[in-house]
PDB file of N, CA and C in Angstrom:
ATOM      1  N   MET A   1      -0.114  -3.531 -13.488  1.00  0.00           N
ATOM      2  CA  MET A   1      -0.367  -3.042 -12.003  1.00  0.00           C
ATOM      3  C   MET A   1       0.225  -1.773 -11.703  1.00  0.00           C
ATOM      4  N   ASN A   2      -0.814  -1.398 -11.091  1.00  0.00           N
ATOM      5  CA  ASN A   2      -0.969   0.163 -10.658  1.00  0.00           C
ATOM      6  C   ASN A   2      -0.275  -0.305  -9.085  1.00  0.00           C
ATOM      7  N   ASN A   3       0.208   1.245  -8.929  1.00  0.00           N
ATOM      8  CA  ASN A   3       0.894   1.341  -7.524  1.00  0.00           C
ATOM      9  C   ASN A   3       0.338   2.781  -6.617  1.00  0.00           C
ATOM     10  N   TYR A   4      -0.281   2.633  -5.570  1.00  0.00           N
ATOM     11  CA  TYR A   4      -0.764   3.781  -4.909  1.00  0.00           C
ATOM     12  C   TYR A   4      -0.272   3.807  -3.662  1.00  0.00           C
ATOM     13  N   LEU A   5      -0.531   4.914  -3.010  1.00  0.00           N
ATOM     14  CA  LEU A   5       0.110   5.294  -1.791  1.00  0.00           C
ATOM     15  C   LEU A   5      -1.038   5.802  -0.895  1.00  0.00           C
ATOM     16  N   LEU A   6      -1.310   4.979   0.180  1.00  0.00           N
ATOM     17  CA  LEU A   6      -2.243   5.302   1.071  1.00  0.00           C
ATOM     18  C   LEU A   6      -1.488   6.176   2.410  1.00  0.00           C
ATOM     19  N   ALA A   7      -1.797   7.261   2.715  1.00  0.00           N
ATOM     20  CA  ALA A   7      -1.443   8.015   3.808  1.00  0.00           C
ATOM     21  C   ALA A   7      -2.455   8.036   4.752  1.00  0.00           C
ATOM     22  N   TYR A   8      -2.223   7.843   6.027  1.00  0.00           N
ATOM     23  CA  TYR A   8      -3.217   8.249   6.949  1.00  0.00           C
ATOM     24  C   TYR A   8      -2.845   8.828   8.389  1.00  0.00           C
ATOM     25  N   ASP A   9      -3.756   9.398   8.993  1.00  0.00           N
ATOM     26  CA  ASP A   9      -3.416  10.114  10.399  1.00  0.00           C
ATOM     27  C   ASP A   9      -3.287   8.950  11.491  1.00  0.00           C
ATOM     28  N   LEU A  10      -2.348   9.257  12.166  1.00  0.00           N
ATOM     29  CA  LEU A  10      -1.715   8.313  13.273  1.00  0.00           C
ATOM     30  C   LEU A  10      -2.954   8.571  14.349  1.00  0.00           C
ATOM     31  N   VAL A  11      -3.132   9.690  14.595  1.00  0.00           N
ATOM     32  CA  VAL A  11      -4.132   9.964  15.564  1.00  0.00           C
ATOM     33  C   VAL A  11      -5.292   9.700  15.404  1.00  0.00           C
ATOM     34  N   THR A  12      -6.302   9.758  14.244  1.00  0.00           N
ATOM     35  CA  THR A  12      -7.801   9.597  14.155  1.00  0.00           C
ATOM     36  C   THR A  12      -7.531   8.099  13.841  1.00  0.00           C
ATOM     37  N   LEU A  13      -6.573   7.216  13.269  1.00  0.00           N
ATOM     38  CA  LEU A  13      -6.376   5.796  13.334  1.00  0.00           C
ATOM     39  C   LEU A  13      -6.446   5.218  14.596  1.00  0.00           C
ATOM     40  N   GLY A  14      -6.216   5.527  15.424  1.00  0.00           N
ATOM     41  CA  GLY A  14      -6.018   5.141  16.931  1.00  0.00           C
ATOM     42  C   GLY A  14      -5.886   3.908  16.874  1.00  0.00           C
ATOM     43  N   GLU A  15      -6.644   2.765  17.608  1.00  0.00           N
ATOM     44  CA  GLU A  15      -6.745   1.454  17.888  1.00  0.00           C
ATOM     45  C   GLU A  15      -7.220   0.909  16.658  1.00  0.00           C
ATOM     46  N   LEU A  16      -7.457   1.665  15.347  1.00  0.00           N
ATOM     47  CA  LEU A  16      -7.864   0.593  14.349  1.00  0.00           C
ATOM     48  C   LEU A  16      -6.817   0.266  13.330  1.00  0.00           C
ATOM     49  N   PHE A  17      -5.659   0.439  13.579  1.00  0.00           N
ATOM     50  CA  PHE A  17      -4.570  -0.271  12.885  1.00  0.00           C
ATOM     51  C   PHE A  17      -4.530  -1.723  12.709  1.00  0.00           C
ATOM     52  N   PRO A  18      -4.735  -2.457  13.699  1.00  0.00           N
ATOM     53  CA  PRO A  18      -4.883  -3.692  13.270  1.00  0.00           C
ATOM     54  C   PRO A  18      -6.019  -4.208  12.431  1.00  0.00           C
ATOM     55  N   GLN A  19      -7.038  -3.590  12.349  1.00  0.00           N
ATOM     56  CA  GLN A  19      -7.979  -3.824  11.294  1.00  0.00           C
ATOM     57  C   GLN A  19      -7.681  -3.261   9.909  1.00  0.00           C
ATOM     58  N   LEU A  20      -7.119  -2.152   9.964  1.00  0.00           N
ATOM     59  CA  LEU A  20      -6.755  -1.781   8.719  1.00  0.00           C
ATOM     60  C   LEU A  20      -5.605  -2.648   8.057  1.00  0.00           C
ATOM     61  N   HIS A  21      -4.404  -2.918   8.885  1.00  0.00           N
ATOM     62  CA  HIS A  21      -3.487  -4.013   8.253  1.00  0.00           C
ATOM     63  C   HIS A  21      -4.219  -5.426   7.802  1.00  0.00           C
ATOM     64  N   SER A  22      -5.040  -5.857   8.764  1.00  0.00           N
ATOM     65  CA  SER A  22      -6.058  -6.951   8.401  1.00  0.00           C
ATOM     66  C   SER A  22      -6.497  -7.031   6.930  1.00  0.00           C
ATOM     67  N   PHE A  23      -7.114  -5.673   6.974  1.00  0.00           N
ATOM     68  CA  PHE A  23      -8.183  -5.363   5.702  1.00  0.00           C
ATOM     69  C   PHE A  23      -7.146  -5.586   4.382  1.00  0.00           C
ATOM     70  N   ILE A  24      -5.876  -4.744   4.492  1.00  0.00           N
ATOM     71  CA  ILE A  24      -5.001  -4.573   3.275  1.00  0.00           C
ATOM     72  C   ILE A  24      -4.435  -5.799   3.154  1.00  0.00           C
ATOM     73  N   LYS A  25      -4.151  -6.657   4.021  1.00  0.00           N
ATOM     74  CA  LYS A  25      -3.743  -7.875   3.910  1.00  0.00           C
ATOM     75  C   LYS A  25      -4.575  -8.859   3.024  1.00  0.00           C
ATOM     76  N   GLN A  26      -5.815  -8.746   3.416  1.00  0.00           N
ATOM     77  CA  GLN A  26      -6.618  -9.912   2.795  1.00  0.00           C
ATOM     78  C   GLN A  26      -7.406  -9.439   1.877  1.00  0.00           C
ATOM     79  N   HIS A  27      -7.515  -8.299   1.380  1.00  0.00           N
ATOM     80  CA  HIS A  27      -8.526  -7.280   0.038  1.00  0.00           C
ATOM     81  C   HIS A  27      -8.068  -8.076  -0.842  1.00  0.00           C
ATOM     82  N   LYS A  28      -9.214  -8.614  -1.731  1.00  0.00           N
ATOM     83  CA  LYS A  28      -8.998  -9.218  -3.119  1.00  0.00           C
ATOM     84  C   LYS A  28      -8.585  -8.263  -4.069  1.00  0.00           C
ATOM     85  N   LEU A  29      -8.353  -7.050  -4.144  1.00  0.00           N
ATOM     86  CA  LEU A  29      -7.945  -6.057  -4.935  1.00  0.00           C
ATOM     87  C   LEU A  29      -6.616  -5.801  -4.766  1.00  0.00           C
ATOM     88  N   ILE A  30      -6.037  -6.108  -3.767  1.00  0.00           N
ATOM     89  CA  ILE A  30      -4.698  -5.832  -3.207  1.00  0.00           C
ATOM     90  C   ILE A  30      -3.881  -6.941  -3.662  1.00  0.00           C
ATOM     91  N   ALA A  31      -2.719  -6.891  -4.526  1.00  0.00           N
ATOM     92  CA  ALA A  31      -2.065  -7.894  -4.980  1.00  0.00           C
ATOM     93  C   ALA A  31      -0.915  -7.936  -3.877  1.00  0.00           C
ATOM     94  N   GLN A  32      -0.452  -6.764  -3.565  1.00  0.00           N
ATOM     95  CA  GLN A  32       1.078  -6.383  -3.057  1.00  0.00           C
ATOM     96  C   GLN A  32       0.702  -5.457  -2.063  1.00  0.00           C
ATOM     97  N   TRP A  33       1.501  -5.285  -0.902  1.00  0.00           N
ATOM     98  CA  TRP A  33       1.601  -3.983  -0.204  1.00  0.00           C
ATOM     99  C   TRP A  33       2.862  -4.183   0.508  1.00  0.00           C
ATOM    100  N   SER A  34       3.283  -2.675   0.905  1.00  0.00           N
ATOM    101  CA  SER A  34       4.450  -2.672   1.986  1.00  0.00           C
ATOM    102  C   SER A  34       4.246  -1.527   2.908  1.00  0.00           C
ATOM    103  N   GLN A  35       4.508  -1.506   3.732  1.00  0.00           N
ATOM    104  CA  GLN A  35       4.464  -0.499   5.079  1.00  0.00           C
ATOM    105  C   GLN A  35       5.719   0.047   5.321  1.00  0.00           C
ATOM    106  N   PRO A  36       6.274   1.108   4.340  1.00  0.00           N
ATOM    107  CA  PRO A  36       7.963   1.601   4.588  1.00  0.00           C
ATOM    108  C   PRO A  36       7.922   2.103   5.935  1.00  0.00           C
ATOM    109  N   TYR A  37       6.677   2.843   6.566  1.00  0.00           N
ATOM    110  CA  TYR A  37       7.006   3.551   7.530  1.00  0.00           C
ATOM    111  C   TYR A  37       5.417   3.883   8.218  1.00  0.00           C
ATOM    112  N   HIS A  38       5.142   4.001   9.549  1.00  0.00           N
ATOM    113  CA  HIS A  38       3.945   4.458  10.237  1.00  0.00           C
ATOM    114  C   HIS A  38       3.411   5.430   9.265  1.00  0.00           C
ATOM    115  N   GLY A  39       2.276   5.420   9.172  1.00  0.00           N
ATOM    116  CA  GLY A  39       1.382   6.191   8.379  1.00  0.00           C
ATOM    117  C   GLY A  39       1.191   6.261   6.905  1.00  0.00           C
ATOM    118  N   ILE A  40       1.808   5.322   6.291  1.00  0.00           N
ATOM    119  CA  ILE A  40       2.062   4.887   5.212  1.00  0.00           C
ATOM    120  C   ILE A  40       1.942   3.667   4.702  1.00  0.00           C
ATOM    121  N   PHE A  41       1.096   3.088   3.368  1.00  0.00           N
ATOM    122  CA  PHE A  41       1.022   2.108   2.863  1.00  0.00           C
ATOM    123  C   PHE A  41       1.276   2.106   1.558  1.00  0.00           C
ATOM    124  N   LEU A  42       1.995   1.291   0.777  1.00  0.00           N
ATOM    125  CA  LEU A  42       2.153   1.175  -0.452  1.00  0.00           C
ATOM    126  C   LEU A  42       1.539   0.179  -1.138  1.00  0.00           C
ATOM    127  N   ILE A  43       0.456   0.116  -1.752  1.00  0.00           N
ATOM    128  CA  ILE A  43      -0.114  -0.895  -2.719  1.00  0.00           C
ATOM    129  C   ILE A  43      -0.026  -1.179  -4.026  1.00  0.00           C
ATOM    130  N   LYS A  44      -0.183  -2.185  -4.457  1.00  0.00           N
ATOM    131  CA  LYS A  44       0.065  -2.685  -5.950  1.00  0.00           C
ATOM    132  C   LYS A  44      -1.402  -3.124  -6.401  1.00  0.00           C
ATOM    133  N   SER A  45      -2.136  -2.813  -7.347  1.00  0.00           N
ATOM    134  CA  SER A  45      -3.378  -3.547  -7.236  1.00  0.00           C
ATOM    135  C   SER A  45      -3.562  -3.440  -8.981  1.00  0.00           C
ATOM    136  N   ASP A  46      -4.412  -4.138  -9.422  1.00  0.00           N
ATOM    137  CA  ASP A  46      -4.750  -4.034 -10.825  1.00  0.00           C
ATOM    138  C   ASP A  46      -6.147  -3.153 -10.838  1.00  0.00           C
ATOM    139  N   ALA A  47      -6.721  -2.991  -9.793  1.00  0.00           N
ATOM    140  CA  ALA A  47      -8.074  -2.055  -9.810  1.00  0.00           C
ATOM    141  C   ALA A  47      -7.536  -0.564  -9.985  1.00  0.00           C
ATOM    142  N   ASP A  48      -8.341   0.167 -10.825  1.00  0.00           N
ATOM    143  CA  ASP A  48      -8.589   1.605 -11.095  1.00  0.00           C
ATOM    144  C   ASP A  48      -8.425   2.230  -9.671  1.00  0.00           C
ATOM    145  N   PHE A  49      -7.950   3.531  -9.729  1.00  0.00           N
ATOM    146  CA  PHE A  49      -7.695   4.904  -9.041  1.00  0.00           C
ATOM    147  C   PHE A  49      -9.266   5.173  -8.071  1.00  0.00           C
ATOM    148  N   LEU A  50     -10.249   5.033  -8.821  1.00  0.00           N
ATOM    149  CA  LEU A  50     -11.345   5.226  -8.102  1.00  0.00           C
ATOM    150  C   LEU A  50     -11.916   4.007  -7.546  1.00  0.00           C
ATOM    151  N   THR A  51     -11.650   3.156  -7.723  1.00  0.00           N
ATOM    152  CA  THR A  51     -12.132   1.731  -7.262  1.00  0.00           C
ATOM    153  C   THR A  51     -11.232   1.642  -5.892  1.00  0.00           C
ATOM    154  N   ILE A  52      -9.891   2.160  -5.817  1.00  0.00           N
ATOM    155  CA  ILE A  52      -9.105   1.981  -4.527  1.00  0.00           C
ATOM    156  C   ILE A  52      -9.591   2.968  -3.672  1.00  0.00           C
ATOM    157  N   VAL A  53     -10.030   4.185  -4.107  1.00  0.00           N
ATOM    158  CA  VAL A  53     -10.433   5.403  -3.217  1.00  0.00           C
ATOM    159  C   VAL A  53     -11.533   4.947  -2.493  1.00  0.00           C
ATOM    160  N   GLN A  54     -12.531   4.444  -3.298  1.00  0.00           N
ATOM    161  CA  GLN A  54     -13.884   3.897  -2.982  1.00  0.00           C
ATOM    162  C   GLN A  54     -13.957   2.870  -1.747  1.00  0.00           C
ATOM    163  N   THR A  55     -12.995   1.998  -2.014  1.00  0.00           N
ATOM    164  CA  THR A  55     -12.589   0.809  -1.279  1.00  0.00           C
ATOM    165  C   THR A  55     -12.068   1.358   0.189  1.00  0.00           C
ATOM    166  N   PHE A  56     -11.335   2.238   0.205  1.00  0.00           N
ATOM    167  CA  PHE A  56     -10.569   2.504   1.740  1.00  0.00           C
ATOM    168  C   PHE A  56     -11.765   3.807   2.118  1.00  0.00           C
ATOM    169  N   ASP A  57     -12.281   4.444   1.258  1.00  0.00           N
ATOM    170  CA  ASP A  57     -13.501   5.680   2.063  1.00  0.00           C
ATOM    171  C   ASP A  57     -14.570   4.722   2.736  1.00  0.00           C
ATOM    172  N   GLU A  58     -14.769   3.374   2.056  1.00  0.00           N
ATOM    173  CA  GLU A  58     -15.690   2.870   2.670  1.00  0.00           C
ATOM    174  C   GLU A  58     -15.533   1.970   3.808  1.00  0.00           C
ATOM    175  N   PHE A  59     -14.200   1.435   4.094  1.00  0.00           N
ATOM    176  CA  PHE A  59     -13.666   0.822   5.314  1.00  0.00           C
ATOM    177  C   PHE A  59     -13.248   1.917   6.158  1.00  0.00           C
ATOM    178  N   LEU A  60     -12.836   3.100   5.849  1.00  0.00           N
ATOM    179  CA  LEU A  60     -12.244   3.772   6.823  1.00  0.00           C
ATOM    180  C   LEU A  60     -13.677   4.691   7.505  1.00  0.00           C
ATOM    181  N   ALA A  61     -14.832   4.682   6.598  1.00  0.00           N
ATOM    182  CA  ALA A  61     -15.996   5.376   6.696  1.00  0.00           C
ATOM    183  C   ALA A  61     -15.875   6.707   7.502  1.00  0.00           C
ATOM    184  N   ARG A  62     -15.038   7.424   6.740  1.00  0.00           N
ATOM    185  CA  ARG A  62     -15.136   8.783   7.236  1.00  0.00           C
ATOM    186  C   ARG A  62     -14.374   9.058   8.949  1.00  0.00           C
ATOM    187  N   ARG A  63     -13.960   7.723   9.512  1.00  0.00           N
ATOM    188  CA  ARG A  63     -13.419   8.112  11.038  1.00  0.00           C
ATOM    189  C   ARG A  63     -12.092   8.361  10.934  1.00  0.00           C
ATOM    190  N   VAL A  64     -11.164   8.315   9.835  1.00  0.00           N
ATOM    191  CA  VAL A  64      -9.804   8.326   9.691  1.00  0.00           C
ATOM    192  C   VAL A  64      -9.568   9.148   8.525  1.00  0.00           C
ATOM    193  N   LEU A  65      -8.751  10.088   9.024  1.00  0.00           N
ATOM    194  CA  LEU A  65      -7.931  10.896   8.105  1.00  0.00           C
ATOM    195  C   LEU A  65      -7.040  10.601   6.849  1.00  0.00           C
ATOM    196  N   HIS A  66      -7.150  10.421   5.570  1.00  0.00           N
ATOM    197  CA  HIS A  66      -6.533   9.589   5.016  1.00  0.00           C
ATOM    198  C   HIS A  66      -6.894  10.445   3.522  1.00  0.00           C
ATOM    199  N   PHE A  67      -5.493   9.983   3.053  1.00  0.00           N
ATOM    200  CA  PHE A  67      -5.504  10.186   1.387  1.00  0.00           C
ATOM    201  C   PHE A  67      -4.891   9.104   0.336  1.00  0.00           C
ATOM    202  N   ILE A  68      -5.287   8.888  -0.949  1.00  0.00           N
ATOM    203  CA  ILE A  68      -4.507   8.059  -1.456  1.00  0.00           C
ATOM    204  C   ILE A  68      -4.116   8.601  -2.998  1.00  0.00           C
ATOM    205  N   CYS A  69      -3.242   8.063  -3.567  1.00  0.00           N
ATOM    206  CA  CYS A  69      -2.697   8.806  -4.956  1.00  0.00           C
ATOM    207  C   CYS A  69      -1.826   7.936  -5.371  1.00  0.00           C
ATOM    208  N   PRO A  70      -2.369   7.654  -6.662  1.00  0.00           N
ATOM    209  CA  PRO A  70      -1.568   6.738  -7.626  1.00  0.00           C
ATOM    210  C   PRO A  70       0.054   7.364  -7.689  1.00  0.00           C
ATOM    211  N   ILE A  71       0.691   6.363  -7.462  1.00  0.00           N
ATOM    212  CA  ILE A  71       2.222   6.774  -8.016  1.00  0.00           C
ATOM    213  C   ILE A  71       3.171   5.632  -8.612  1.00  0.00           C
ATOM    214  N   SER A  72       4.230   6.349  -9.527  1.00  0.00           N
ATOM    215  CA  SER A  72       5.136   5.590 -10.118  1.00  0.00           C
ATOM    216  C   SER A  72       6.706   5.765  -9.967  1.00  0.00           C
ATOM    217  N   PRO A  73       7.358   5.031 -10.259  1.00  0.00           N
ATOM    218  CA  PRO A  73       9.042   5.218  -9.759  1.00  0.00           C
ATOM    219  C   PRO A  73       9.231   6.489 -10.280  1.00  0.00           C
ATOM    220  N   GLY A  74       8.891   7.059 -11.488  1.00  0.00           N
ATOM    221  CA  GLY A  74       9.641   8.435 -12.399  1.00  0.00           C
ATOM    222  C   GLY A  74       8.710   9.315 -11.641  1.00  0.00           C
ATOM    223  N   THR A  75       7.549   9.605 -11.069  1.00  0.00           N
ATOM    224  CA  THR A  75       7.161  10.735 -10.314  1.00  0.00           C
ATOM    225  C   THR A  75       7.243  10.832  -9.252  1.00  0.00           C
ATOM    226  N   VAL A  76       7.932  10.178  -8.262  1.00  0.00           N
ATOM    227  CA  VAL A  76       8.151  10.448  -6.780  1.00  0.00           C
ATOM    228  C   VAL A  76       9.614  10.441  -6.533  1.00  0.00           C
ATOM    229  N   GLY A  77       9.876  10.948  -5.401  1.00  0.00           N
ATOM    230  CA  GLY A  77      11.134  10.954  -5.034  1.00  0.00           C
ATOM    231  C   GLY A  77      11.353  10.778  -3.469  1.00  0.00           C
ATOM    232  N   GLY A  78      12.545  10.707  -2.613  1.00  0.00           N
ATOM    233  CA  GLY A  78      12.552  10.889  -1.636  1.00  0.00           C
ATOM    234  C   GLY A  78      13.585   9.605  -1.036  1.00  0.00           C
ATOM    235  N   ILE A  79      13.465   9.265   0.395  1.00  0.00           N
ATOM    236  CA  ILE A  79      14.125   8.640   1.023  1.00  0.00           C
ATOM    237  C   ILE A  79      13.531   7.275   1.485  1.00  0.00           C
ATOM    238  N   LEU A  80      13.627   6.109   0.607  1.00  0.00           N
ATOM    239  CA  LEU A  80      13.135   4.852   1.080  1.00  0.00           C
ATOM    240  C   LEU A  80      14.396   3.623   1.220  1.00  0.00           C
ATOM    241  N   ALA A  81      14.009   2.673   1.847  1.00  0.00           N
ATOM    242  CA  ALA A  81      15.028   1.760   1.717  1.00  0.00           C
ATOM    243  C   ALA A  81      15.230   1.029  -0.080  1.00  0.00           C
ATOM    244  N   GLY A  82      16.507   0.779  -0.361  1.00  0.00           N
ATOM    245  CA  GLY A  82      16.397   0.585  -1.999  1.00  0.00           C
ATOM    246  C   GLY A  82      15.571  -0.355  -2.467  1.00  0.00           C
ATOM    247  N   ASP A  83      15.508  -1.443  -1.520  1.00  0.00           N
ATOM    248  CA  ASP A  83      14.649  -2.695  -1.980  1.00  0.00           C
ATOM    249  C   ASP A  83      13.101  -2.184  -2.554  1.00  0.00           C
ATOM    250  N   ILE A  84      12.495  -1.405  -1.651  1.00  0.00           N
ATOM    251  CA  ILE A  84      11.292  -0.879  -1.926  1.00  0.00           C
ATOM    252  C   ILE A  84      10.962  -0.136  -3.229  1.00  0.00           C
ATOM    253  N   TRP A  85      11.934   0.903  -3.595  1.00  0.00           N
ATOM    254  CA  TRP A  85      11.999   1.394  -5.002  1.00  0.00           C
ATOM    255  C   TRP A  85      11.677   0.387  -6.039  1.00  0.00           C
ATOM    256  N   GLU A  86      12.917  -0.672  -5.638  1.00  0.00           N
ATOM    257  CA  GLU A  86      12.746  -1.810  -6.633  1.00  0.00           C
ATOM    258  C   GLU A  86      11.431  -2.632  -6.925  1.00  0.00           C
ATOM    259  N   TRP A  87      11.129  -2.841  -5.475  1.00  0.00           N
ATOM    260  CA  TRP A  87       9.794  -3.505  -5.646  1.00  0.00           C
ATOM    261  C   TRP A  87       8.573  -2.663  -6.405  1.00  0.00           C
ATOM    262  N   LEU A  88       8.720  -1.421  -6.215  1.00  0.00           N
ATOM    263  CA  LEU A  88       7.561  -0.548  -7.077  1.00  0.00           C
ATOM    264  C   LEU A  88       8.052  -0.503  -8.601  1.00  0.00           C
ATOM    265  N   LYS A  89       8.927  -0.675  -8.639  1.00  0.00           N
ATOM    266  CA  LYS A  89       9.381  -0.814 -10.239  1.00  0.00           C
ATOM    267  C   LYS A  89       8.988  -2.257 -10.647  1.00  0.00           C
ATOM    268  N   ALA A  90       8.750  -3.324  -9.912  1.00  0.00           N
ATOM    269  CA  ALA A  90       8.759  -4.798 -10.170  1.00  0.00           C
ATOM    270  C   ALA A  90       7.198  -5.437 -10.436  1.00  0.00           C
ATOM    271  N   PRO A  91       6.919  -5.958 -11.271  1.00  0.00           N
ATOM    272  CA  PRO A  91       5.714  -6.888 -11.619  1.00  0.00           C
ATOM    273  C   PRO A  91       5.383  -7.609 -10.017  1.00  0.00           C
ATOM    274  N   PRO A  92       3.937  -7.909 -10.155  1.00  0.00           N
ATOM    275  CA  PRO A  92       3.719  -8.713  -8.713  1.00  0.00           C
ATOM    276  C   PRO A  92       4.437 -10.134  -8.776  1.00  0.00           C
ATOM    277  N   HIS A  93       4.974 -10.541  -7.452  1.00  0.00           N
ATOM    278  CA  HIS A  93       5.343 -11.904  -7.633  1.00  0.00           C
ATOM    279  C   HIS A  93       4.392 -12.735  -6.482  1.00  0.00           C
ATOM    280  N   SER A  94       3.847 -12.139  -5.905  1.00  0.00           N
ATOM    281  CA  SER A  94       2.847 -12.945  -4.781  1.00  0.00           C
ATOM    282  C   SER A  94       1.695 -11.950  -4.591  1.00  0.00           C
ATOM    283  N   GLY A  95       0.996 -12.505  -3.470  1.00  0.00           N
ATOM    284  CA  GLY A  95      -0.063 -11.492  -2.884  1.00  0.00           C
ATOM    285  C   GLY A  95       0.617 -11.250  -1.245  1.00  0.00           C
ATOM    286  N   LEU A  96       1.883 -11.700  -1.334  1.00  0.00           N
ATOM    287  CA  LEU A  96       2.294 -11.267   0.197  1.00  0.00           C
ATOM    288  C   LEU A  96       3.006 -10.206   0.346  1.00  0.00           C
ATOM    289  N   GLY A  97       3.044  -9.498  -0.359  1.00  0.00           N
ATOM    290  CA  GLY A  97       3.989  -8.181  -0.257  1.00  0.00           C
ATOM    291  C   GLY A  97       5.314  -8.122  -0.306  1.00  0.00           C
ATOM    292  N   LEU A  98       5.985  -6.857   0.135  1.00  0.00           N
ATOM    293  CA  LEU A  98       7.473  -6.818  -0.006  1.00  0.00           C
ATOM    294  C   LEU A  98       8.137  -7.604   0.285  1.00  0.00           C
ATOM    295  N   LEU A  99       7.786  -8.552   1.634  1.00  0.00           N
ATOM    296  CA  LEU A  99       8.585  -9.694   2.204  1.00  0.00           C
ATOM    297  C   LEU A  99       8.749 -10.800   0.966  1.00  0.00           C
ATOM    298  N   ALA A 100       7.647 -11.225   0.443  1.00  0.00           N
ATOM    299  CA  ALA A 100       7.962 -11.997  -0.629  1.00  0.00           C
ATOM    300  C   ALA A 100       8.652 -11.755  -1.628  1.00  0.00           C
ATOM    301  N   TYR A 101       8.503 -10.590  -2.316  1.00  0.00           N
ATOM    302  CA  TYR A 101       9.458  -9.994  -3.329  1.00  0.00           C
ATOM    303  C   TYR A 101      11.169  -9.949  -3.056  1.00  0.00           C
ATOM    304  N   LEU A 102      11.214  -9.748  -1.689  1.00  0.00           N
ATOM    305  CA  LEU A 102      12.569  -9.720  -1.230  1.00  0.00           C
ATOM    306  C   LEU A 102      13.148 -10.635  -0.954  1.00  0.00           C
ATOM    307  N   GLN A 103      12.183 -12.230  -0.530  1.00  0.00           N
ATOM    308  CA  GLN A 103      12.873 -13.409  -0.404  1.00  0.00           C
ATOM    309  C   GLN A 103      13.149 -13.970  -2.011  1.00  0.00           C
ATOM    310  N   GLN A 104      12.110 -13.534  -2.998  1.00  0.00           N
ATOM    311  CA  GLN A 104      12.578 -14.268  -4.342  1.00  0.00           C
ATOM    312  C   GLN A 104      13.752 -13.792  -4.606  1.00  0.00           C
ATOM    313  N   GLN A 105      14.206 -12.137  -4.231  1.00  0.00           N
ATOM    314  CA  GLN A 105      15.405 -11.947  -4.740  1.00  0.00           C
ATOM    315  C   GLN A 105      16.654 -12.595  -4.253  1.00  0.00           C
ATOM    316  N   GLN A 106      16.376 -12.970  -2.872  1.00  0.00           N
ATOM    317  CA  GLN A 106      17.496 -13.674  -2.187  1.00  0.00           C
ATOM    318  C   GLN A 106      17.797 -15.177  -2.940  1.00  0.00           C
ATOM    319  N   ASN A 107      16.890 -15.797  -3.447  1.00  0.00           N
ATOM    320  CA  ASN A 107      17.097 -17.145  -3.731  1.00  0.00           C
ATOM    321  C   ASN A 107      17.631 -17.228  -5.478  1.00  0.00           C
TER     322      ASN A 107
END
């Protein structure tokens, strides 16, 4: 499972956030996702990097400034909720994103 970071510009995204959120939730190539804060989505997918880039480039249709990069726990740092770091390291548990992972950890 690959981890990707999608960073987007809040200004150029404007009113498109609900569409972007829905797109990510329903996309067949996205196994899980998390939004640790505005302007960032963390995505888990079996798809290769170029496929993910093309998917978002087509959806955002050059209307929204954004970038996508592959990430792995050993190559990134910073301050996020501890659960998000664990989620990035973990295999996928469902297509529901971080919330499903956290609920499974509590059971």
